[in-house]
Amino acid sequence: MDDYSRYIEDKLFIRWVFHPTPENDAYWEKYLQDHPSEKHTVNSSRTILSQLKSKKDGEEEPELYELYASIIHQIDQRKQSKKIWLDVAKYAAVALVFLSVGIIWKNIGNRSVLPELTEQFVQQTIPAGNETHLILPDGKNIVIAEKESSVQMQKEGDIIINKKDTIHRQAGLAANGINQLIVPFGRNSSVRLPDGTMAWLNAGSRLIYPARFEGKLREVSLIGEGYFEVAHNPEMPFIVTTTDLRIKALGTSFNVSAYPADQIIEVVLAEGKVGLSKTGFSLQNKQQILVPDQLAAFNRETGHTAVKNVNVENYISWHKGYLSIESTDLNRIVVKLERYYNIEIDFQDPLTGSKIISGKIVLKKEKDKVLTVLASTAALELIKINEQKYVLK
């Protein structure tokens, strides 16, 4: 089964089958030249998906079962091994389900491009400098100099920055074009999305979102950390996509921390209910439900998600301008402060980072005062090397 899962769960492979281009044709031709032993598996996987590709939208359930039976019959004729037949049959069934719920690229024109954009943008660095950037669908880059900023998306397409500057929607641009709000280290911002949902972005984060939500989902993509207060709309679920997780909510408040440099993605639920699943297609992609005061920690390396009860305030207080610290190791706090102030903090003794401390840090204060309080709480000495570098000993 693993042989077929390598292709049927591969988004590049699915894109090639459903929307071939000279580029991906060349890629897979070269792949088969380099991996001749894979030719049979590739062709069988392609046959399964091609059968689905030929079906029309809006078919009734009996027709879908007929298609399933047809696929299985063809596979049965080609395969004598019972194990291989069962493996392929399982994947044909899964692909059929994907088709019936509109997931598997059939209606690509209505499918969100945000997950793919997230994969693309995560490879890009946050623009240099101390300014927040709002990049509009036409590529125009709005530079926001303030350390703390706000962006309000209006239903008619206008954008209000810091409650004073208005950017009018340009005629001719798609109403649902993609925006990017890029917040460098040392800055933070909030954005009021067109549905009324509020999103706060922590330092070193990027939010990718449409100017207007259309269709059956409200979907945004996040790189970094964001706190969301979702406007209630049970008919149009709200989705936050990261490179590894998909978080689905109806009307709820939750925090997502998904920095590319971190091995662990954390989702903390304050109110309501959310469902988490891995991005992409997988037979083992079961949804994990969170209830208030729970934290889900997804390990990128192992693919395992651990859930536990926590004091939510310790994870969401940053968007209110302070850190609530309760029995937290110093390493974790230092990383947060480095990002928030865009500085570097080293330990003279690396073992010092394992110290456990509690307290409250007001982030809006000058960083030197904040770091002095931190050092005092941890019974350490703060040494300032320059404006960007400090040492705790």
Protein backbone atom coordinates (compact mmCIF):
# COMPACT_ATOMS: atom_id res chain seq x y z
CA MET A 1 0.00 0.00 0.00
CA ASP A 2 2.91 2.32 0.71
CA ASP A 3 3.95 2.14 -2.96
CA TYR A 4 0.65 3.62 -4.10
CA SER A 5 0.33 6.09 -1.21
CA ARG A 6 3.56 7.71 -2.34
CA TYR A 7 1.76 8.93 -5.47
CA ILE A 8 -1.96 9.11 -4.69
CA GLU A 9 -1.21 11.27 -1.63
CA ASP A 10 1.33 13.41 -3.53
CA LYS A 11 -0.09 16.83 -4.47
CA LEU A 12 2.44 17.24 -7.29
CA PHE A 13 1.36 13.91 -8.74
CA ILE A 14 -2.34 14.79 -8.45
CA ARG A 15 -1.72 18.14 -10.11
CA TRP A 16 0.08 16.40 -12.98
CA VAL A 17 -2.80 13.96 -13.57
CA PHE A 18 -5.56 16.56 -13.34
CA HIS A 19 -3.79 19.54 -14.87
CA PRO A 20 -0.79 18.44 -16.96
CA THR A 21 1.59 21.10 -18.22
CA PRO A 22 4.80 20.84 -20.26
CA GLU A 23 6.72 21.49 -17.05
CA ASN A 24 5.19 18.74 -14.93
CA ASP A 25 5.13 16.37 -17.94
CA ALA A 26 8.88 16.86 -18.23
CA TYR A 27 9.36 16.39 -14.49
CA TRP A 28 7.55 13.05 -14.35
CA GLU A 29 9.11 11.82 -17.58
CA LYS A 30 12.53 12.47 -16.06
CA TYR A 31 11.40 10.84 -12.82
CA LEU A 32 10.42 7.65 -14.61
CA GLN A 33 13.71 7.61 -16.51
CA ASP A 34 15.57 7.82 -13.21
CA HIS A 35 13.25 5.32 -11.45
CA PRO A 36 12.27 2.71 -14.09
CA SER A 37 11.11 0.26 -11.38
CA GLU A 38 8.38 2.74 -10.42
CA LYS A 39 6.79 2.86 -13.87
CA HIS A 40 4.10 0.25 -13.15
CA THR A 41 3.07 1.84 -9.83
CA VAL A 42 2.99 5.31 -11.36
CA ASN A 43 0.85 4.17 -14.28
CA SER A 44 -1.58 2.32 -11.99
CA SER A 45 -1.91 5.31 -9.69
CA ARG A 46 -2.42 7.59 -12.66
CA THR A 47 -5.15 5.29 -14.00
CA ILE A 48 -7.10 5.51 -10.75
CA LEU A 49 -7.01 9.29 -10.68
CA SER A 50 -7.70 9.58 -14.41
CA GLN A 51 -10.90 7.60 -13.97
CA LEU A 52 -12.04 10.13 -11.40
CA LYS A 53 -10.97 13.01 -13.60
CA SER A 54 -13.38 11.93 -16.31
CA LYS A 55 -16.46 12.24 -14.09
CA LYS A 56 -18.65 15.32 -14.10
CA ASP A 57 -19.49 17.51 -11.10
CA GLY A 58 -22.72 16.96 -9.20
CA GLU A 59 -23.15 13.22 -9.83
CA GLU A 60 -25.51 11.26 -7.63
CA GLU A 61 -24.28 8.69 -5.14
CA PRO A 62 -25.29 5.60 -7.25
CA GLU A 63 -23.16 6.88 -10.14
CA LEU A 64 -20.21 7.28 -7.80
CA TYR A 65 -20.55 3.65 -6.69
CA GLU A 66 -20.71 2.59 -10.33
CA LEU A 67 -17.46 4.41 -10.94
CA TYR A 68 -15.91 2.70 -7.92
CA ALA A 69 -17.00 -0.71 -9.22
CA SER A 70 -15.58 0.11 -12.66
CA ILE A 71 -12.21 1.08 -11.21
CA ILE A 72 -12.01 -2.02 -9.05
CA HIS A 73 -12.95 -4.22 -11.99
CA GLN A 74 -10.15 -2.81 -14.12
CA ILE A 75 -7.63 -3.17 -11.31
CA ASP A 76 -8.77 -6.75 -10.70
CA GLN A 77 -8.17 -7.58 -14.35
CA ARG A 78 -4.65 -6.18 -14.20
CA LYS A 79 -3.63 -7.65 -10.83
CA GLN A 80 -3.52 -11.26 -9.75
CA SER A 81 -2.13 -10.60 -6.28
CA LYS A 82 -4.92 -10.29 -3.69
CA LYS A 83 -2.82 -8.02 -1.48
CA ILE A 84 -2.07 -5.56 -4.28
CA TRP A 85 -5.72 -5.62 -5.38
CA LEU A 86 -6.86 -4.70 -1.88
CA ASP A 87 -4.25 -1.98 -1.54
CA VAL A 88 -5.23 -0.29 -4.79
CA ALA A 89 -8.93 -0.77 -4.07
CA LYS A 90 -8.55 1.07 -0.78
CA TYR A 91 -6.93 4.01 -2.50
CA ALA A 92 -9.52 4.03 -5.24
CA ALA A 93 -12.20 4.23 -2.56
CA VAL A 94 -10.40 7.05 -0.79
CA ALA A 95 -9.95 8.96 -4.03
CA LEU A 96 -13.64 8.45 -4.77
CA VAL A 97 -14.59 9.96 -1.42
CA PHE A 98 -12.32 12.91 -2.12
CA LEU A 99 -14.13 13.44 -5.41
CA SER A 100 -17.58 13.25 -3.83
CA VAL A 101 -16.79 16.00 -1.32
CA GLY A 102 -14.98 18.19 -3.84
CA ILE A 103 -11.51 17.93 -2.35
CA ILE A 104 -9.44 16.36 -5.09
CA TRP A 105 -8.72 19.11 -7.59
CA LYS A 106 -11.80 18.55 -9.74
CA ASN A 107 -13.09 22.06 -9.39
CA ILE A 108 -9.68 23.69 -9.35
CA GLY A 109 -11.09 27.09 -10.25
CA ASN A 110 -12.98 27.24 -6.96
CA ARG A 111 -10.25 25.66 -4.87
CA SER A 112 -8.28 27.86 -2.50
CA VAL A 113 -4.69 28.44 -3.53
CA LEU A 114 -3.71 29.46 -0.02
CA PRO A 115 -2.13 26.15 1.09
CA GLU A 116 0.13 26.16 -1.97
CA LEU A 117 1.00 29.80 -1.41
CA THR A 118 1.94 28.98 2.18
CA GLU A 119 4.38 26.33 0.99
CA GLN A 120 5.83 28.84 -1.45
CA PHE A 121 6.10 31.76 0.98
CA VAL A 122 7.52 29.74 3.88
CA GLN A 123 10.72 29.44 1.84
CA GLN A 124 10.95 33.23 1.62
CA THR A 125 12.43 35.38 4.35
CA ILE A 126 10.55 38.24 5.93
CA PRO A 127 11.60 41.45 4.11
CA ALA A 128 14.57 43.19 5.71
CA GLY A 129 13.94 46.31 7.75
CA ASN A 130 11.72 47.27 10.64
CA GLU A 131 8.50 47.95 8.75
CA THR A 132 5.37 45.89 8.44
CA HIS A 133 4.35 45.21 4.83
CA LEU A 134 0.87 44.85 3.37
CA ILE A 135 1.12 43.42 -0.14
CA LEU A 136 -2.04 43.86 -2.22
CA PRO A 137 -3.34 41.55 -4.98
CA ASP A 138 -1.81 43.77 -7.70
CA GLY A 139 1.62 43.51 -6.04
CA LYS A 140 1.56 47.00 -4.51
CA ASN A 141 3.58 47.06 -1.28
CA ILE A 142 2.18 49.25 1.50
CA VAL A 143 4.87 49.97 4.10
CA ILE A 144 3.65 50.46 7.69
CA ALA A 145 6.32 52.03 9.88
CA GLU A 146 4.63 51.81 13.29
CA LYS A 147 5.80 49.15 15.75
CA GLU A 148 2.17 48.25 16.44
CA SER A 149 -0.24 48.50 13.54
CA SER A 150 -3.77 47.60 12.54
CA VAL A 151 -5.37 46.76 9.19
CA GLN A 152 -9.12 46.75 8.62
CA MET A 153 -10.59 45.09 5.55
CA GLN A 154 -13.90 46.63 4.52
CA LYS A 155 -16.66 44.65 2.82
CA GLU A 156 -16.59 46.94 -0.19
CA GLY A 157 -12.86 46.28 -0.65
CA ASP A 158 -11.34 49.39 0.94
CA ILE A 159 -8.56 48.99 3.50
CA ILE A 160 -8.03 51.21 6.56
CA ILE A 161 -4.56 51.26 8.10
CA ASN A 162 -4.04 52.38 11.69
CA LYS A 163 -7.61 53.73 11.71
CA LYS A 164 -6.61 56.76 9.64
CA ASP A 165 -5.22 55.93 6.21
CA THR A 166 -7.60 54.51 3.61
CA ILE A 167 -6.60 52.51 0.55
CA HIS A 168 -9.45 52.34 -1.94
CA ARG A 169 -10.06 49.17 -3.90
CA GLN A 170 -8.87 49.58 -7.46
CA ALA A 171 -11.38 48.96 -10.22
CA GLY A 172 -10.67 45.91 -12.32
CA LEU A 173 -8.99 43.90 -9.58
CA ALA A 174 -10.56 40.63 -8.49
CA ALA A 175 -12.70 41.17 -5.41
CA ASN A 176 -11.27 38.08 -3.78
CA GLY A 177 -7.62 38.71 -4.66
CA ILE A 178 -4.95 37.52 -2.24
CA ASN A 179 -3.39 39.87 0.32
CA GLN A 180 -0.31 39.35 2.47
CA LEU A 181 0.34 41.00 5.82
CA ILE A 182 4.01 40.56 6.68
CA VAL A 183 5.13 41.42 10.21
CA PRO A 184 8.91 41.42 10.80
CA PHE A 185 10.61 40.53 14.06
CA GLY A 186 10.31 43.42 16.46
CA ARG A 187 6.81 44.36 15.23
CA ASN A 188 3.25 43.14 15.72
CA SER A 189 -0.02 43.85 13.96
CA SER A 190 -3.73 43.06 13.87
CA VAL A 191 -6.06 42.64 10.92
CA ARG A 192 -9.83 42.76 10.81
CA LEU A 193 -10.80 40.38 8.02
CA PRO A 194 -13.77 41.13 5.72
CA ASP A 195 -16.07 38.78 7.68
CA GLY A 196 -15.36 40.54 10.98
CA THR A 197 -12.86 37.96 12.24
CA MET A 198 -9.96 39.52 14.17
CA ALA A 199 -6.43 38.19 13.78
CA TRP A 200 -3.41 39.36 15.79
CA LEU A 201 0.00 38.58 14.31
CA ASN A 202 3.04 38.17 16.50
CA ALA A 203 6.53 39.24 15.46
CA GLY A 204 8.05 37.41 12.50
CA SER A 205 4.72 36.27 11.05
CA ARG A 206 2.88 36.35 7.75
CA LEU A 207 -0.88 36.08 7.10
CA ILE A 208 -2.17 35.28 3.61
CA TYR A 209 -5.87 35.97 3.10
CA PRO A 210 -8.41 36.93 0.43
CA ALA A 211 -9.86 40.42 0.17
CA ARG A 212 -13.30 38.79 0.33
CA PHE A 213 -14.43 35.36 1.43
CA GLU A 214 -16.41 33.44 -1.17
CA GLY A 215 -17.65 29.89 -1.55
CA LYS A 216 -18.20 27.49 1.33
CA LEU A 217 -15.08 28.25 3.38
CA ARG A 218 -13.29 31.21 4.91
CA GLU A 219 -9.64 30.26 4.57
CA VAL A 220 -6.41 32.01 5.56
CA SER A 221 -2.83 30.79 5.75
CA LEU A 222 -0.42 31.52 8.57
CA ILE A 223 3.35 31.44 8.87
CA GLY A 224 4.47 32.33 12.39
CA GLU A 225 2.07 33.00 15.26
CA GLY A 226 -1.46 34.36 15.26
CA TYR A 227 -4.38 34.69 17.66
CA PHE A 228 -7.83 34.52 16.05
CA GLU A 229 -11.27 35.59 17.25
CA VAL A 230 -13.51 34.12 14.58
CA ALA A 231 -16.79 35.73 13.55
CA HIS A 232 -19.55 33.13 13.95
CA ASN A 233 -20.89 31.71 10.69
CA PRO A 234 -21.78 27.99 10.86
CA GLU A 235 -22.58 27.97 7.13
CA MET A 236 -19.03 29.04 6.27
CA PRO A 237 -16.37 27.43 8.48
CA PHE A 238 -13.15 29.35 9.14
CA ILE A 239 -9.91 27.58 8.24
CA VAL A 240 -6.34 28.44 9.26
CA THR A 241 -3.80 26.57 7.17
CA THR A 242 -0.12 26.16 8.05
CA THR A 243 2.45 24.11 6.15
CA ASP A 244 1.60 21.11 8.35
CA LEU A 245 -1.82 21.62 9.93
CA ARG A 246 -5.32 22.67 9.00
CA ILE A 247 -7.37 24.19 11.83
CA LYS A 248 -11.12 24.39 11.31
CA ALA A 249 -13.45 26.55 13.44
CA LEU A 250 -16.99 27.92 13.27
CA GLY A 251 -16.96 30.74 15.81
CA THR A 252 -14.17 30.50 18.31
CA SER A 253 -10.96 31.97 19.76
CA PHE A 254 -7.66 30.17 19.43
CA ASN A 255 -3.91 30.67 19.07
CA VAL A 256 -1.65 29.06 16.46
CA SER A 257 2.14 29.09 16.71
CA ALA A 258 3.74 27.70 13.54
CA TYR A 259 7.12 29.34 13.03
CA PRO A 260 9.18 27.59 10.31
CA ALA A 261 12.16 27.30 12.69
CA ASP A 262 10.14 25.47 15.37
CA GLN A 263 9.80 21.70 15.37
CA ILE A 264 6.53 21.90 17.32
CA ILE A 265 3.34 23.59 16.08
CA GLU A 266 1.06 24.60 18.94
CA VAL A 267 -2.68 25.21 18.78
CA VAL A 268 -4.37 26.48 21.97
CA LEU A 269 -8.14 26.85 22.24
CA ALA A 270 -9.61 29.65 24.35
CA GLU A 271 -13.30 29.41 23.37
CA GLY A 272 -15.51 27.26 21.16
CA LYS A 273 -14.28 24.14 19.39
CA VAL A 274 -11.76 23.48 16.62
CA GLY A 275 -10.76 20.46 14.57
CA LEU A 276 -7.17 19.83 13.56
CA SER A 277 -5.93 17.68 10.71
CA LYS A 278 -2.73 17.40 8.74
CA THR A 279 -2.53 19.22 5.45
CA GLY A 280 -2.53 17.11 2.32
CA PHE A 281 -4.09 13.71 1.69
CA SER A 282 -3.51 10.70 3.96
CA LEU A 283 -5.47 7.66 5.05
CA GLN A 284 -4.37 8.35 8.62
CA ASN A 285 -5.45 11.99 8.45
CA LYS A 286 -7.98 11.88 11.29
CA GLN A 287 -9.36 15.09 12.75
CA GLN A 288 -8.33 15.96 16.32
CA ILE A 289 -11.00 17.89 18.21
CA LEU A 290 -9.97 20.45 20.84
CA VAL A 291 -12.16 21.86 23.59
CA PRO A 292 -11.43 25.03 25.60
CA ASP A 293 -8.27 25.08 27.75
CA GLN A 294 -6.57 22.42 25.62
CA LEU A 295 -3.28 22.63 23.77
CA ALA A 296 -2.39 20.44 20.78
CA ALA A 297 1.34 20.11 20.09
CA PHE A 298 2.09 18.72 16.63
CA ASN A 299 5.61 17.36 16.12
CA ARG A 300 6.73 18.05 12.56
CA GLU A 301 9.38 15.32 12.71
CA THR A 302 7.27 12.45 14.05
CA GLY A 303 3.84 13.61 12.82
CA HIS A 304 2.43 12.95 16.29
CA THR A 305 0.00 15.29 18.06
CA ALA A 306 -0.10 15.45 21.85
CA VAL A 307 -3.05 17.10 23.63
CA LYS A 308 -3.09 18.40 27.20
CA ASN A 309 -4.95 20.86 29.41
CA VAL A 310 -3.21 24.19 29.98
CA ASN A 311 -3.69 27.67 31.37
CA VAL A 312 -4.68 29.34 28.11
CA GLU A 313 -3.65 32.81 29.27
CA ASN A 314 -0.01 31.74 29.23
CA TYR A 315 -0.28 31.17 25.47
CA ILE A 316 -2.50 34.01 24.29
CA SER A 317 -1.52 36.95 26.53
CA TRP A 318 1.04 38.20 24.01
CA HIS A 319 -1.71 39.68 21.84
CA LYS A 320 -2.75 41.81 24.83
CA GLY A 321 0.77 43.20 25.23
CA TYR A 322 2.23 41.00 27.97
CA LEU A 323 3.55 37.52 28.67
CA SER A 324 1.93 35.50 31.41
CA ILE A 325 4.56 33.03 32.64
CA GLU A 326 3.73 30.04 34.79
CA SER A 327 6.44 27.45 35.49
CA THR A 328 8.03 27.99 32.08
CA ASP A 329 11.64 27.25 31.13
CA LEU A 330 13.80 30.27 30.39
CA ASN A 331 14.68 29.03 26.89
CA ARG A 332 11.06 29.32 25.79
CA ILE A 333 10.69 32.84 27.19
CA VAL A 334 13.93 34.03 25.61
CA VAL A 335 12.81 32.85 22.15
CA LYS A 336 9.59 34.84 22.50
CA LEU A 337 11.45 37.98 23.56
CA GLU A 338 14.02 37.63 20.78
CA ARG A 339 11.22 37.59 18.23
CA TYR A 340 9.19 40.32 19.83
CA TYR A 341 12.09 42.80 20.11
CA ASN A 342 14.16 41.49 17.18
CA ILE A 343 17.20 40.92 19.39
CA GLU A 344 19.60 38.12 20.30
CA ILE A 345 19.88 36.79 23.86
CA ASP A 346 22.64 34.29 24.70
CA PHE A 347 23.30 32.29 27.85
CA GLN A 348 26.83 32.26 29.24
CA ASP A 349 26.01 28.79 30.56
CA PRO A 350 23.71 26.88 28.18
CA LEU A 351 22.20 24.95 31.10
CA THR A 352 20.79 28.23 32.42
CA GLY A 353 18.07 28.02 29.78
CA SER A 354 16.44 25.12 31.60
CA LYS A 355 15.61 27.29 34.63
CA ILE A 356 11.89 27.38 35.43
CA ILE A 357 10.36 30.76 36.28
CA SER A 358 6.93 32.35 36.74
CA GLY A 359 5.71 35.93 36.53
CA LYS A 360 4.44 38.58 34.14
CA ILE A 361 6.34 40.57 31.51
CA VAL A 362 4.82 43.75 30.08
CA LEU A 363 6.01 43.77 26.47
CA LYS A 364 5.16 47.41 25.79
CA LYS A 365 7.94 48.58 28.11
CA GLU A 366 11.44 49.34 26.84
CA LYS A 367 13.29 46.13 26.09
CA ASP A 368 16.16 46.94 28.49
CA LYS A 369 13.69 47.25 31.37
CA VAL A 370 11.94 44.05 30.35
CA LEU A 371 15.19 42.10 30.13
CA THR A 372 16.36 43.48 33.49
CA VAL A 373 13.15 42.22 35.10
CA LEU A 374 13.61 38.84 33.44
CA ALA A 375 17.19 38.55 34.66
CA SER A 376 16.16 39.50 38.20
CA THR A 377 13.33 36.95 38.20
CA ALA A 378 15.72 34.22 37.08
CA ALA A 379 18.43 35.34 39.55
CA LEU A 380 20.80 36.14 36.69
CA GLU A 381 22.88 39.09 35.54
CA LEU A 382 22.06 40.90 32.28
CA ILE A 383 24.98 42.03 30.13
CA LYS A 384 24.23 44.34 27.22
CA ILE A 385 26.66 43.88 24.34
CA ASN A 386 24.91 46.34 22.02
CA GLU A 387 21.36 47.35 21.07
CA GLN A 388 20.73 43.99 19.42
CA LYS A 389 22.66 41.53 21.58
CA TYR A 390 22.45 40.58 25.27
CA VAL A 391 23.92 37.88 27.50
CA LEU A 392 22.41 36.31 30.63
CA LYS A 393 24.85 34.86 33.15
